[in-house]
Amino acid sequence: IPDEDIEMVANTAGVSAADAEEALRATGGDLAEAILKLN
Protein backbone atom coordinates (compact mmCIF):
# COMPACT_ATOMS: atom_id res chain seq x y z
CA ILE A 1 0.00 0.00 0.00
CA PRO A 2 1.62 3.28 -1.10
CA ASP A 3 2.12 5.95 1.57
CA GLU A 4 0.10 8.38 -0.58
CA ASP A 5 -2.94 6.08 -0.36
CA ILE A 6 -2.61 5.79 3.43
CA GLU A 7 -2.31 9.57 3.76
CA MET A 8 -5.31 10.21 1.48
CA VAL A 9 -7.55 7.74 3.35
CA ALA A 10 -6.40 9.11 6.74
CA ASN A 11 -7.11 12.73 5.69
CA THR A 12 -10.43 11.95 4.02
CA ALA A 13 -11.76 9.78 6.86
CA GLY A 14 -10.21 11.89 9.62
CA VAL A 15 -8.33 8.98 11.23
CA SER A 16 -4.73 8.11 12.04
CA ALA A 17 -2.37 6.68 9.44
CA ALA A 18 -2.31 3.35 11.31
CA ASP A 19 -6.13 3.10 11.18
CA ALA A 20 -6.12 4.07 7.49
CA GLU A 21 -3.50 1.42 6.69
CA GLU A 22 -5.45 -1.23 8.60
CA ALA A 23 -8.63 -0.36 6.69
CA LEU A 24 -6.77 -0.46 3.36
CA ARG A 25 -5.34 -3.91 4.15
CA ALA A 26 -8.80 -5.16 5.18
CA THR A 27 -10.28 -3.95 1.88
CA GLY A 28 -7.45 -5.21 -0.34
CA GLY A 29 -6.19 -1.69 -1.07
CA ASP A 30 -9.56 -0.32 -2.23
CA LEU A 31 -9.46 3.40 -1.33
CA ALA A 32 -13.18 4.12 -1.55
CA GLU A 33 -14.16 1.00 0.40
CA ALA A 34 -11.60 1.79 3.11
CA ILE A 35 -12.96 5.34 3.52
CA LEU A 36 -16.53 4.05 3.69
CA LYS A 37 -15.54 1.43 6.27
CA LEU A 38 -13.86 4.05 8.45
CA ASN A 39 -16.79 6.46 8.21
ModelCIF file with pLDDT and N, C-alpha, C, O atoms, coordinates in Angstrom:
data_MODEL
#
_entry.id   MODEL 
#
_entity.id                         1 
_entity.type                       polymer 
_entity.pdbx_number_of_molecules   1 
#
_entity_poly.entity_id                      1 
_entity_poly.type                           'polypeptide(L)' 
_entity_poly.nstd_linkage                   no 
_entity_poly.nstd_monomer                   no 
_entity_poly.pdbx_seq_one_letter_code       IPDEDIEMVANTAGVSAADAEEALRATGGDLAEAILKLN 
_entity_poly.pdbx_seq_one_letter_code_can   IPDEDIEMVANTAGVSAADAEEALRATGGDLAEAILKLN 
_entity_poly.pdbx_strand_id                 A 
#
loop_
_entity_poly_seq.entity_id 
_entity_poly_seq.num 
_entity_poly_seq.mon_id 
_entity_poly_seq.hetero 
1 1  ILE n 
1 2  PRO n 
1 3  ASP n 
1 4  GLU n 
1 5  ASP n 
1 6  ILE n 
1 7  GLU n 
1 8  MET n 
1 9  VAL n 
1 10 ALA n 
1 11 ASN n 
1 12 THR n 
1 13 ALA n 
1 14 GLY n 
1 15 VAL n 
1 16 SER n 
1 17 ALA n 
1 18 ALA n 
1 19 ASP n 
1 20 ALA n 
1 21 GLU n 
1 22 GLU n 
1 23 ALA n 
1 24 LEU n 
1 25 ARG n 
1 26 ALA n 
1 27 THR n 
1 28 GLY n 
1 29 GLY n 
1 30 ASP n 
1 31 LEU n 
1 32 ALA n 
1 33 GLU n 
1 34 ALA n 
1 35 ILE n 
1 36 LEU n 
1 37 LYS n 
1 38 LEU n 
1 39 ASN n 
#
_struct_asym.id          A 
_struct_asym.entity_id   1 
#
loop_
_ma_qa_metric.id 
_ma_qa_metric.mode 
_ma_qa_metric.name 
_ma_qa_metric.software_group_id 
_ma_qa_metric.type 
1 global pLDDT . pLDDT 
2 local  pLDDT . pLDDT 
#
_ma_qa_metric_global.metric_id      1 
_ma_qa_metric_global.metric_value   91.05 
_ma_qa_metric_global.model_id       1 
_ma_qa_metric_global.ordinal_id     1 
#
loop_
_ma_qa_metric_local.label_asym_id 
_ma_qa_metric_local.label_comp_id 
_ma_qa_metric_local.label_seq_id 
_ma_qa_metric_local.metric_id 
_ma_qa_metric_local.metric_value 
_ma_qa_metric_local.model_id 
_ma_qa_metric_local.ordinal_id 
A ILE 1  2 89.00 1 1  
A PRO 2  2 91.00 1 2  
A ASP 3  2 92.00 1 3  
A GLU 4  2 93.00 1 4  
A ASP 5  2 92.00 1 5  
A ILE 6  2 91.00 1 6  
A GLU 7  2 92.00 1 7  
A MET 8  2 92.00 1 8  
A VAL 9  2 92.00 1 9  
A ALA 10 2 92.00 1 10 
A ASN 11 2 92.00 1 11 
A THR 12 2 91.00 1 12 
A ALA 13 2 90.00 1 13 
A GLY 14 2 91.00 1 14 
A VAL 15 2 92.00 1 15 
A SER 16 2 92.00 1 16 
A ALA 17 2 92.00 1 17 
A ALA 18 2 92.00 1 18 
A ASP 19 2 92.00 1 19 
A ALA 20 2 92.00 1 20 
A GLU 21 2 91.00 1 21 
A GLU 22 2 91.00 1 22 
A ALA 23 2 92.00 1 23 
A LEU 24 2 92.00 1 24 
A ARG 25 2 89.00 1 25 
A ALA 26 2 90.00 1 26 
A THR 27 2 90.00 1 27 
A GLY 28 2 88.00 1 28 
A GLY 29 2 89.00 1 29 
A ASP 30 2 91.00 1 30 
A LEU 31 2 90.00 1 31 
A ALA 32 2 92.00 1 32 
A GLU 33 2 93.00 1 33 
A ALA 34 2 92.00 1 34 
A ILE 35 2 92.00 1 35 
A LEU 36 2 91.00 1 36 
A LYS 37 2 89.00 1 37 
A LEU 38 2 89.00 1 38 
A ASN 39 2 88.00 1 39 
#
loop_
_atom_site.group_PDB 
_atom_site.id 
_atom_site.type_symbol 
_atom_site.label_atom_id 
_atom_site.label_alt_id 
_atom_site.label_comp_id 
_atom_site.label_asym_id 
_atom_site.label_entity_id 
_atom_site.label_seq_id 
_atom_site.pdbx_PDB_ins_code 
_atom_site.Cartn_x 
_atom_site.Cartn_y 
_atom_site.Cartn_z 
_atom_site.occupancy 
_atom_site.B_iso_or_equiv 
_atom_site.pdbx_formal_charge 
_atom_site.auth_seq_id 
_atom_site.auth_comp_id 
_atom_site.auth_asym_id 
_atom_site.auth_atom_id 
_atom_site.pdbx_PDB_model_num 
ATOM 1   N N  . ILE A 1 1  ? 0.857   -1.183 0.000  1.00 89.00 ? 1  ILE A N  1 
ATOM 2   C CA . ILE A 1 1  ? 0.000   0.000  0.000  1.00 89.00 ? 1  ILE A CA 1 
ATOM 3   C C  . ILE A 1 1  ? 0.894   1.234  0.000  1.00 89.00 ? 1  ILE A C  1 
ATOM 4   O O  . ILE A 1 1  ? 1.668   1.430  0.937  1.00 89.00 ? 1  ILE A O  1 
ATOM 5   N N  . PRO A 1 2  ? 0.802   2.066  -1.032 1.00 91.00 ? 2  PRO A N  1 
ATOM 6   C CA . PRO A 1 2  ? 1.621   3.277  -1.097 1.00 91.00 ? 2  PRO A CA 1 
ATOM 7   C C  . PRO A 1 2  ? 1.290   4.244  0.041  1.00 91.00 ? 2  PRO A C  1 
ATOM 8   O O  . PRO A 1 2  ? 0.145   4.326  0.487  1.00 91.00 ? 2  PRO A O  1 
ATOM 9   N N  . ASP A 1 3  ? 2.306   4.972  0.502  1.00 92.00 ? 3  ASP A N  1 
ATOM 10  C CA . ASP A 1 3  ? 2.120   5.952  1.572  1.00 92.00 ? 3  ASP A CA 1 
ATOM 11  C C  . ASP A 1 3  ? 1.098   7.019  1.181  1.00 92.00 ? 3  ASP A C  1 
ATOM 12  O O  . ASP A 1 3  ? 0.358   7.519  2.029  1.00 92.00 ? 3  ASP A O  1 
ATOM 13  N N  . GLU A 1 4  ? 1.060   7.364  -0.108 1.00 93.00 ? 4  GLU A N  1 
ATOM 14  C CA . GLU A 1 4  ? 0.101   8.378  -0.580 1.00 93.00 ? 4  GLU A CA 1 
ATOM 15  C C  . GLU A 1 4  ? -1.334  7.917  -0.343 1.00 93.00 ? 4  GLU A C  1 
ATOM 16  O O  . GLU A 1 4  ? -2.193  8.714  0.035  1.00 93.00 ? 4  GLU A O  1 
ATOM 17  N N  . ASP A 1 5  ? -1.591  6.621  -0.566 1.00 92.00 ? 5  ASP A N  1 
ATOM 18  C CA . ASP A 1 5  ? -2.939  6.079  -0.357 1.00 92.00 ? 5  ASP A CA 1 
ATOM 19  C C  . ASP A 1 5  ? -3.304  6.127  1.126  1.00 92.00 ? 5  ASP A C  1 
ATOM 20  O O  . ASP A 1 5  ? -4.428  6.483  1.480  1.00 92.00 ? 5  ASP A O  1 
ATOM 21  N N  . ILE A 1 6  ? -2.360  5.771  1.985  1.00 91.00 ? 6  ILE A N  1 
ATOM 22  C CA . ILE A 1 6  ? -2.610  5.794  3.430  1.00 91.00 ? 6  ILE A CA 1 
ATOM 23  C C  . ILE A 1 6  ? -2.920  7.213  3.867  1.00 91.00 ? 6  ILE A C  1 
ATOM 24  O O  . ILE A 1 6  ? -3.861  7.448  4.625  1.00 91.00 ? 6  ILE A O  1 
ATOM 25  N N  . GLU A 1 7  ? -2.120  8.162  3.382  1.00 92.00 ? 7  GLU A N  1 
ATOM 26  C CA . GLU A 1 7  ? -2.307  9.570  3.757  1.00 92.00 ? 7  GLU A CA 1 
ATOM 27  C C  . GLU A 1 7  ? -3.661  10.091 3.268  1.00 92.00 ? 7  GLU A C  1 
ATOM 28  O O  . GLU A 1 7  ? -4.354  10.803 3.995  1.00 92.00 ? 7  GLU A O  1 
ATOM 29  N N  . MET A 1 8  ? -4.035  9.736  2.035  1.00 92.00 ? 8  MET A N  1 
ATOM 30  C CA . MET A 1 8  ? -5.310  10.209 1.483  1.00 92.00 ? 8  MET A CA 1 
ATOM 31  C C  . MET A 1 8  ? -6.490  9.646  2.267  1.00 92.00 ? 8  MET A C  1 
ATOM 32  O O  . MET A 1 8  ? -7.425  10.382 2.583  1.00 92.00 ? 8  MET A O  1 
ATOM 33  N N  . VAL A 1 9  ? -6.460  8.355  2.587  1.00 92.00 ? 9  VAL A N  1 
ATOM 34  C CA . VAL A 1 9  ? -7.550  7.738  3.352  1.00 92.00 ? 9  VAL A CA 1 
ATOM 35  C C  . VAL A 1 9  ? -7.607  8.341  4.755  1.00 92.00 ? 9  VAL A C  1 
ATOM 36  O O  . VAL A 1 9  ? -8.692  8.629  5.260  1.00 92.00 ? 9  VAL A O  1 
ATOM 37  N N  . ALA A 1 10 ? -6.449  8.534  5.390  1.00 92.00 ? 10 ALA A N  1 
ATOM 38  C CA . ALA A 1 10 ? -6.404  9.113  6.741  1.00 92.00 ? 10 ALA A CA 1 
ATOM 39  C C  . ALA A 1 10 ? -6.985  10.520 6.744  1.00 92.00 ? 10 ALA A C  1 
ATOM 40  O O  . ALA A 1 10 ? -7.775  10.857 7.626  1.00 92.00 ? 10 ALA A O  1 
ATOM 41  N N  . ASN A 1 11 ? -6.602  11.357 5.762  1.00 92.00 ? 11 ASN A N  1 
ATOM 42  C CA . ASN A 1 11 ? -7.108  12.731 5.686  1.00 92.00 ? 11 ASN A CA 1 
ATOM 43  C C  . ASN A 1 11 ? -8.591  12.772 5.359  1.00 92.00 ? 11 ASN A C  1 
ATOM 44  O O  . ASN A 1 11 ? -9.332  13.561 5.945  1.00 92.00 ? 11 ASN A O  1 
ATOM 45  N N  . THR A 1 12 ? -9.028  11.944 4.441  1.00 91.00 ? 12 THR A N  1 
ATOM 46  C CA . THR A 1 12 ? -10.431 11.948 4.021  1.00 91.00 ? 12 THR A CA 1 
ATOM 47  C C  . THR A 1 12 ? -11.350 11.440 5.125  1.00 91.00 ? 12 THR A C  1 
ATOM 48  O O  . THR A 1 12 ? -12.425 11.996 5.350  1.00 91.00 ? 12 THR A O  1 
ATOM 49  N N  . ALA A 1 13 ? -10.922 10.379 5.815  1.00 90.00 ? 13 ALA A N  1 
ATOM 50  C CA . ALA A 1 13 ? -11.764 9.778  6.857  1.00 90.00 ? 13 ALA A CA 1 
ATOM 51  C C  . ALA A 1 13 ? -11.535 10.422 8.223  1.00 90.00 ? 13 ALA A C  1 
ATOM 52  O O  . ALA A 1 13 ? -12.300 10.183 9.157  1.00 90.00 ? 13 ALA A O  1 
ATOM 53  N N  . GLY A 1 14 ? -10.494 11.231 8.343  1.00 91.00 ? 14 GLY A N  1 
ATOM 54  C CA . GLY A 1 14 ? -10.207 11.888 9.615  1.00 91.00 ? 14 GLY A CA 1 
ATOM 55  C C  . GLY A 1 14 ? -9.717  10.919 10.684 1.00 91.00 ? 14 GLY A C  1 
ATOM 56  O O  . GLY A 1 14 ? -10.105 11.023 11.847 1.00 91.00 ? 14 GLY A O  1 
ATOM 57  N N  . VAL A 1 15 ? -8.859  9.972  10.286 1.00 92.00 ? 15 VAL A N  1 
ATOM 58  C CA . VAL A 1 15 ? -8.333  8.980  11.228 1.00 92.00 ? 15 VAL A CA 1 
ATOM 59  C C  . VAL A 1 15 ? -6.804  8.980  11.162 1.00 92.00 ? 15 VAL A C  1 
ATOM 60  O O  . VAL A 1 15 ? -6.206  9.665  10.332 1.00 92.00 ? 15 VAL A O  1 
ATOM 61  N N  . SER A 1 16 ? -6.193  8.211  12.039 1.00 92.00 ? 16 SER A N  1 
ATOM 62  C CA . SER A 1 16 ? -4.731  8.114  12.042 1.00 92.00 ? 16 SER A CA 1 
ATOM 63  C C  . SER A 1 16 ? -4.253  7.292  10.844 1.00 92.00 ? 16 SER A C  1 
ATOM 64  O O  . SER A 1 16 ? -5.020  6.560  10.219 1.00 92.00 ? 16 SER A O  1 
ATOM 65  N N  . ALA A 1 17 ? -2.964  7.438  10.548 1.00 92.00 ? 17 ALA A N  1 
ATOM 66  C CA . ALA A 1 17 ? -2.367  6.682  9.443  1.00 92.00 ? 17 ALA A CA 1 
ATOM 67  C C  . ALA A 1 17 ? -2.434  5.178  9.706  1.00 92.00 ? 17 ALA A C  1 
ATOM 68  O O  . ALA A 1 17 ? -2.639  4.394  8.780  1.00 92.00 ? 17 ALA A O  1 
ATOM 69  N N  . ALA A 1 18 ? -2.263  4.777  10.959 1.00 92.00 ? 18 ALA A N  1 
ATOM 70  C CA . ALA A 1 18 ? -2.310  3.345  11.308 1.00 92.00 ? 18 ALA A CA 1 
ATOM 71  C C  . ALA A 1 18 ? -3.705  2.777  11.048 1.00 92.00 ? 18 ALA A C  1 
ATOM 72  O O  . ALA A 1 18 ? -3.843  1.673  10.522 1.00 92.00 ? 18 ALA A O  1 
ATOM 73  N N  . ASP A 1 19 ? -4.757  3.552  11.427 1.00 92.00 ? 19 ASP A N  1 
ATOM 74  C CA . ASP A 1 19 ? -6.128  3.104  11.184 1.00 92.00 ? 19 ASP A CA 1 
ATOM 75  C C  . ASP A 1 19 ? -6.422  3.054  9.685  1.00 92.00 ? 19 ASP A C  1 
ATOM 76  O O  . ASP A 1 19 ? -7.099  2.143  9.209  1.00 92.00 ? 19 ASP A O  1 
ATOM 77  N N  . ALA A 1 20 ? -5.911  4.034  8.951  1.00 92.00 ? 20 ALA A N  1 
ATOM 78  C CA . ALA A 1 20 ? -6.124  4.070  7.494  1.00 92.00 ? 20 ALA A CA 1 
ATOM 79  C C  . ALA A 1 20 ? -5.441  2.873  6.834  1.00 92.00 ? 20 ALA A C  1 
ATOM 80  O O  . ALA A 1 20 ? -6.015  2.244  5.945  1.00 92.00 ? 20 ALA A O  1 
ATOM 81  N N  . GLU A 1 21 ? -4.214  2.556  7.265  1.00 91.00 ? 21 GLU A N  1 
ATOM 82  C CA . GLU A 1 21 ? -3.501  1.417  6.692  1.00 91.00 ? 21 GLU A CA 1 
ATOM 83  C C  . GLU A 1 21 ? -4.218  0.107  6.996  1.00 91.00 ? 21 GLU A C  1 
ATOM 84  O O  . GLU A 1 21 ? -4.317  -0.769 6.137  1.00 91.00 ? 21 GLU A O  1 
ATOM 85  N N  . GLU A 1 22 ? -4.711  -0.019 8.208  1.00 91.00 ? 22 GLU A N  1 
ATOM 86  C CA . GLU A 1 22 ? -5.448  -1.235 8.603  1.00 91.00 ? 22 GLU A CA 1 
ATOM 87  C C  . GLU A 1 22 ? -6.700  -1.408 7.740  1.00 91.00 ? 22 GLU A C  1 
ATOM 88  O O  . GLU A 1 22 ? -7.006  -2.512 7.289  1.00 91.00 ? 22 GLU A O  1 
ATOM 89  N N  . ALA A 1 23 ? -7.417  -0.304 7.518  1.00 92.00 ? 23 ALA A N  1 
ATOM 90  C CA . ALA A 1 23 ? -8.627  -0.363 6.691  1.00 92.00 ? 23 ALA A CA 1 
ATOM 91  C C  . ALA A 1 23 ? -8.282  -0.716 5.244  1.00 92.00 ? 23 ALA A C  1 
ATOM 92  O O  . ALA A 1 23 ? -8.999  -1.483 4.602  1.00 92.00 ? 23 ALA A O  1 
ATOM 93  N N  . LEU A 1 24 ? -7.188  -0.158 4.734  1.00 92.00 ? 24 LEU A N  1 
ATOM 94  C CA . LEU A 1 24 ? -6.770  -0.462 3.359  1.00 92.00 ? 24 LEU A CA 1 
ATOM 95  C C  . LEU A 1 24 ? -6.390  -1.934 3.220  1.00 92.00 ? 24 LEU A C  1 
ATOM 96  O O  . LEU A 1 24 ? -6.717  -2.561 2.213  1.00 92.00 ? 24 LEU A O  1 
ATOM 97  N N  . ARG A 1 25 ? -5.708  -2.488 4.211  1.00 89.00 ? 25 ARG A N  1 
ATOM 98  C CA . ARG A 1 25 ? -5.344  -3.911 4.153  1.00 89.00 ? 25 ARG A CA 1 
ATOM 99  C C  . ARG A 1 25 ? -6.599  -4.783 4.208  1.00 89.00 ? 25 ARG A C  1 
ATOM 100 O O  . ARG A 1 25 ? -6.690  -5.794 3.511  1.00 89.00 ? 25 ARG A O  1 
ATOM 101 N N  . ALA A 1 26 ? -7.566  -4.386 5.038  1.00 90.00 ? 26 ALA A N  1 
ATOM 102 C CA . ALA A 1 26 ? -8.804  -5.160 5.181  1.00 90.00 ? 26 ALA A CA 1 
ATOM 103 C C  . ALA A 1 26 ? -9.635  -5.140 3.896  1.00 90.00 ? 26 ALA A C  1 
ATOM 104 O O  . ALA A 1 26 ? -10.392 -6.072 3.625  1.00 90.00 ? 26 ALA A O  1 
ATOM 105 N N  . THR A 1 27 ? -9.486  -4.076 3.111  1.00 90.00 ? 27 THR A N  1 
ATOM 106 C CA . THR A 1 27 ? -10.278 -3.954 1.878  1.00 90.00 ? 27 THR A CA 1 
ATOM 107 C C  . THR A 1 27 ? -9.467  -4.275 0.625  1.00 90.00 ? 27 THR A C  1 
ATOM 108 O O  . THR A 1 27 ? -9.916  -4.017 -0.492 1.00 90.00 ? 27 THR A O  1 
ATOM 109 N N  . GLY A 1 28 ? -8.277  -4.837 0.808  1.00 88.00 ? 28 GLY A N  1 
ATOM 110 C CA . GLY A 1 28 ? -7.452  -5.212 -0.337 1.00 88.00 ? 28 GLY A CA 1 
ATOM 111 C C  . GLY A 1 28 ? -6.906  -4.030 -1.102 1.00 88.00 ? 28 GLY A C  1 
ATOM 112 O O  . GLY A 1 28 ? -6.620  -4.142 -2.294 1.00 88.00 ? 28 GLY A O  1 
ATOM 113 N N  . GLY A 1 29 ? -6.753  -2.881 -0.427 1.00 89.00 ? 29 GLY A N  1 
ATOM 114 C CA . GLY A 1 29 ? -6.189  -1.693 -1.066 1.00 89.00 ? 29 GLY A CA 1 
ATOM 115 C C  . GLY A 1 29 ? -7.211  -0.807 -1.748 1.00 89.00 ? 29 GLY A C  1 
ATOM 116 O O  . GLY A 1 29 ? -6.835  0.164  -2.405 1.00 89.00 ? 29 GLY A O  1 
ATOM 117 N N  . ASP A 1 30 ? -8.502  -1.115 -1.610 1.00 91.00 ? 30 ASP A N  1 
ATOM 118 C CA . ASP A 1 30 ? -9.564  -0.320 -2.232 1.00 91.00 ? 30 ASP A CA 1 
ATOM 119 C C  . ASP A 1 30 ? -9.764  0.962  -1.431 1.00 91.00 ? 30 ASP A C  1 
ATOM 120 O O  . ASP A 1 30 ? -10.231 0.917  -0.292 1.00 91.00 ? 30 ASP A O  1 
ATOM 121 N N  . LEU A 1 31 ? -9.412  2.108  -2.021 1.00 90.00 ? 31 LEU A N  1 
ATOM 122 C CA . LEU A 1 31 ? -9.464  3.396  -1.326 1.00 90.00 ? 31 LEU A CA 1 
ATOM 123 C C  . LEU A 1 31 ? -10.886 3.765  -0.902 1.00 90.00 ? 31 LEU A C  1 
ATOM 124 O O  . LEU A 1 31 ? -11.130 4.097  0.258  1.00 90.00 ? 31 LEU A O  1 
ATOM 125 N N  . ALA A 1 32 ? -11.808 3.705  -1.840 1.00 92.00 ? 32 ALA A N  1 
ATOM 126 C CA . ALA A 1 32 ? -13.183 4.115  -1.546 1.00 92.00 ? 32 ALA A CA 1 
ATOM 127 C C  . ALA A 1 32 ? -13.805 3.233  -0.474 1.00 92.00 ? 32 ALA A C  1 
ATOM 128 O O  . ALA A 1 32 ? -14.462 3.732  0.439  1.00 92.00 ? 32 ALA A O  1 
ATOM 129 N N  . GLU A 1 33 ? -13.602 1.936  -0.579 1.00 93.00 ? 33 GLU A N  1 
ATOM 130 C CA . GLU A 1 33 ? -14.161 0.999  0.396  1.00 93.00 ? 33 GLU A CA 1 
ATOM 131 C C  . GLU A 1 33 ? -13.548 1.227  1.778  1.00 93.00 ? 33 GLU A C  1 
ATOM 132 O O  . GLU A 1 33 ? -14.248 1.129  2.785  1.00 93.00 ? 33 GLU A O  1 
ATOM 133 N N  . ALA A 1 34 ? -12.262 1.528  1.834  1.00 92.00 ? 34 ALA A N  1 
ATOM 134 C CA . ALA A 1 34 ? -11.603 1.789  3.114  1.00 92.00 ? 34 ALA A CA 1 
ATOM 135 C C  . ALA A 1 34 ? -12.161 3.037  3.769  1.00 92.00 ? 34 ALA A C  1 
ATOM 136 O O  . ALA A 1 34 ? -12.383 3.059  4.979  1.00 92.00 ? 34 ALA A O  1 
ATOM 137 N N  . ILE A 1 35 ? -12.387 4.075  2.978  1.00 92.00 ? 35 ILE A N  1 
ATOM 138 C CA . ILE A 1 35 ? -12.957 5.337  3.517  1.00 92.00 ? 35 ILE A CA 1 
ATOM 139 C C  . ILE A 1 35 ? -14.356 5.085  4.037  1.00 92.00 ? 35 ILE A C  1 
ATOM 140 O O  . ILE A 1 35 ? -14.706 5.530  5.131  1.00 92.00 ? 35 ILE A O  1 
ATOM 141 N N  . LEU A 1 36 ? -15.175 4.360  3.245  1.00 91.00 ? 36 LEU A N  1 
ATOM 142 C CA . LEU A 1 36 ? -16.533 4.046  3.688  1.00 91.00 ? 36 LEU A CA 1 
ATOM 143 C C  . LEU A 1 36 ? -16.531 3.230  4.962  1.00 91.00 ? 36 LEU A C  1 
ATOM 144 O O  . LEU A 1 36 ? -17.349 3.468  5.850  1.00 91.00 ? 36 LEU A O  1 
ATOM 145 N N  . LYS A 1 37 ? -15.630 2.276  5.069  1.00 89.00 ? 37 LYS A N  1 
ATOM 146 C CA . LYS A 1 37 ? -15.539 1.434  6.266  1.00 89.00 ? 37 LYS A CA 1 
ATOM 147 C C  . LYS A 1 37 ? -15.184 2.273  7.494  1.00 89.00 ? 37 LYS A C  1 
ATOM 148 O O  . LYS A 1 37 ? -15.737 2.065  8.574  1.00 89.00 ? 37 LYS A O  1 
ATOM 149 N N  . LEU A 1 38 ? -14.270 3.209  7.326  1.00 89.00 ? 38 LEU A N  1 
ATOM 150 C CA . LEU A 1 38 ? -13.859 4.046  8.452  1.00 89.00 ? 38 LEU A CA 1 
ATOM 151 C C  . LEU A 1 38 ? -14.926 5.067  8.849  1.00 89.00 ? 38 LEU A C  1 
ATOM 152 O O  . LEU A 1 38 ? -14.987 5.477  10.008 1.00 89.00 ? 38 LEU A O  1 
ATOM 153 N N  . ASN A 1 39 ? -15.755 5.475  7.909  1.00 88.00 ? 39 ASN A N  1 
ATOM 154 C CA . ASN A 1 39 ? -16.793 6.460  8.207  1.00 88.00 ? 39 ASN A CA 1 
ATOM 155 C C  . ASN A 1 39 ? -18.100 5.850  8.691  1.00 88.00 ? 39 ASN A C  1 
ATOM 156 O O  . ASN A 1 39 ? -19.052 6.577  8.974  1.00 88.00 ? 39 ASN A O  1 
#
